[in-house]
Amino acid sequence: MFDKPGVVVLGCNIHDWMIAYIYVSESPYFAKTGPDGSAQLKDLPPRQYTVRVWHPRLQGPEDATRQPASLDRSPRAELAWDLALKPDVRVRRAPAAGSHRHY
């Protein structure tokens, strides 16, 4: 299932509003953003890179997020994106806290 790069979407067959994503990268260099939206790739070999970002609600193709990064002369490069996201249209039907009934 995870032998090809791309996105794998997992859904719960009981709770249809629950969705998870696994991103299979073709590169050994990847990062997940933190709560502030930033990510770091550390200890990269010096060379030219192409960096992309992905989000499950990304508006437009992932390839449109490509940015070059050169680590030939400096071990550090800072890149930034402003992403346009599609609205989250999932219906949230999880029970409210404390509303579980035990019989």
Protein backbone atom coordinates (compact mmCIF):
# COMPACT_ATOMS: atom_id res chain seq x y z
CA MET A 1 0.00 0.00 0.00
CA PHE A 2 2.88 2.40 0.73
CA ASP A 3 5.20 1.45 -2.14
CA LYS A 4 4.37 4.49 -4.32
CA PRO A 5 4.81 8.18 -3.45
CA GLY A 6 1.64 10.17 -2.91
CA VAL A 7 -1.24 10.54 -0.50
CA VAL A 8 -3.07 7.65 1.13
CA VAL A 9 -6.49 8.60 2.54
CA LEU A 10 -7.82 6.55 5.44
CA GLY A 11 -11.43 6.74 6.49
CA CYS A 12 -13.27 5.21 9.40
CA ASN A 13 -16.01 2.83 8.27
CA ILE A 14 -18.01 3.60 11.41
CA HIS A 15 -17.48 7.35 11.86
CA ASP A 16 -17.55 8.82 8.36
CA TRP A 17 -16.32 12.25 9.50
CA MET A 18 -13.01 10.73 10.66
CA ILE A 19 -10.33 10.98 7.98
CA ALA A 20 -6.58 10.50 8.21
CA TYR A 21 -3.84 11.03 5.65
CA ILE A 22 -0.50 9.34 5.12
CA TYR A 23 1.89 11.16 2.82
CA VAL A 24 4.40 8.81 1.20
CA SER A 25 7.39 10.91 0.17
CA GLU A 26 9.70 9.97 -2.66
CA SER A 27 12.50 11.74 -0.76
CA PRO A 28 14.16 10.72 2.50
CA TYR A 29 14.00 14.40 3.53
CA PHE A 30 10.63 15.45 4.93
CA ALA A 31 9.10 17.17 7.93
CA LYS A 32 5.72 17.66 9.55
CA THR A 33 4.77 21.18 10.55
CA GLY A 34 4.31 22.09 14.17
CA PRO A 35 1.39 23.99 15.71
CA ASP A 36 2.88 27.28 14.48
CA GLY A 37 3.01 26.02 10.88
CA SER A 38 6.81 25.80 10.68
CA ALA A 39 8.99 22.80 9.92
CA GLN A 40 12.71 22.15 9.79
CA LEU A 41 14.79 19.77 7.75
CA LYS A 42 18.14 19.24 9.47
CA ASP A 43 21.50 17.80 8.43
CA LEU A 44 20.87 17.97 4.69
CA PRO A 45 23.88 17.44 2.43
CA PRO A 46 25.01 20.58 0.57
CA ARG A 47 23.33 20.74 -2.86
CA GLN A 48 20.34 22.17 -4.72
CA TYR A 49 16.89 21.07 -3.54
CA THR A 50 13.31 21.50 -4.66
CA VAL A 51 10.96 21.84 -1.70
CA ARG A 52 7.21 21.26 -1.84
CA VAL A 53 4.45 21.39 0.73
CA TRP A 54 1.23 19.42 1.01
CA HIS A 55 -1.99 19.97 2.92
CA PRO A 56 -5.16 17.87 2.66
CA ARG A 57 -7.21 20.93 1.70
CA LEU A 58 -4.59 22.51 -0.58
CA GLN A 59 -6.26 24.48 -3.33
CA GLY A 60 -4.42 23.64 -6.52
CA PRO A 61 -1.77 21.04 -7.30
CA GLU A 62 1.08 20.25 -4.92
CA ASP A 63 3.57 20.91 -7.73
CA ALA A 64 2.49 24.57 -7.67
CA THR A 65 4.13 24.86 -4.22
CA ARG A 66 7.63 24.01 -5.53
CA GLN A 67 10.44 26.29 -4.38
CA PRO A 68 14.16 25.92 -5.00
CA ALA A 69 16.55 25.87 -2.06
CA SER A 70 20.32 26.01 -2.36
CA LEU A 71 22.51 24.68 0.40
CA ASP A 72 25.69 24.90 -1.69
CA ARG A 73 27.03 28.06 -0.03
CA SER A 74 25.12 28.09 3.24
CA PRO A 75 23.85 25.27 5.46
CA ARG A 76 20.61 27.17 6.03
CA ALA A 77 17.78 28.31 3.77
CA GLU A 78 14.45 29.80 4.82
CA LEU A 79 11.38 29.31 2.66
CA ALA A 80 7.81 30.46 3.23
CA TRP A 81 4.47 29.69 1.62
CA ASP A 82 1.06 31.32 1.73
CA LEU A 83 -1.31 28.46 0.99
CA ALA A 84 -4.84 28.80 -0.27
CA LEU A 85 -6.98 26.10 1.34
CA LYS A 86 -10.33 24.71 0.33
CA PRO A 87 -13.01 24.95 3.04
CA ASP A 88 -13.42 21.95 5.32
CA VAL A 89 -16.84 20.62 4.32
CA ARG A 90 -16.90 17.54 6.53
CA VAL A 91 -19.91 17.27 8.78
CA ARG A 92 -18.66 16.90 12.32
CA ARG A 93 -20.90 14.49 14.13
CA ALA A 94 -18.75 13.44 17.02
CA PRO A 95 -20.68 13.31 20.28
CA ALA A 96 -20.28 16.26 22.60
CA ALA A 97 -18.18 15.76 25.70
CA GLY A 98 -20.15 14.19 28.52
CA SER A 99 -23.03 13.10 26.28
CA HIS A 100 -22.20 9.38 26.34
CA ARG A 101 -24.90 7.23 27.86
CA HIS A 102 -24.11 3.93 29.50
CA TYR A 103 -26.86 1.34 29.67
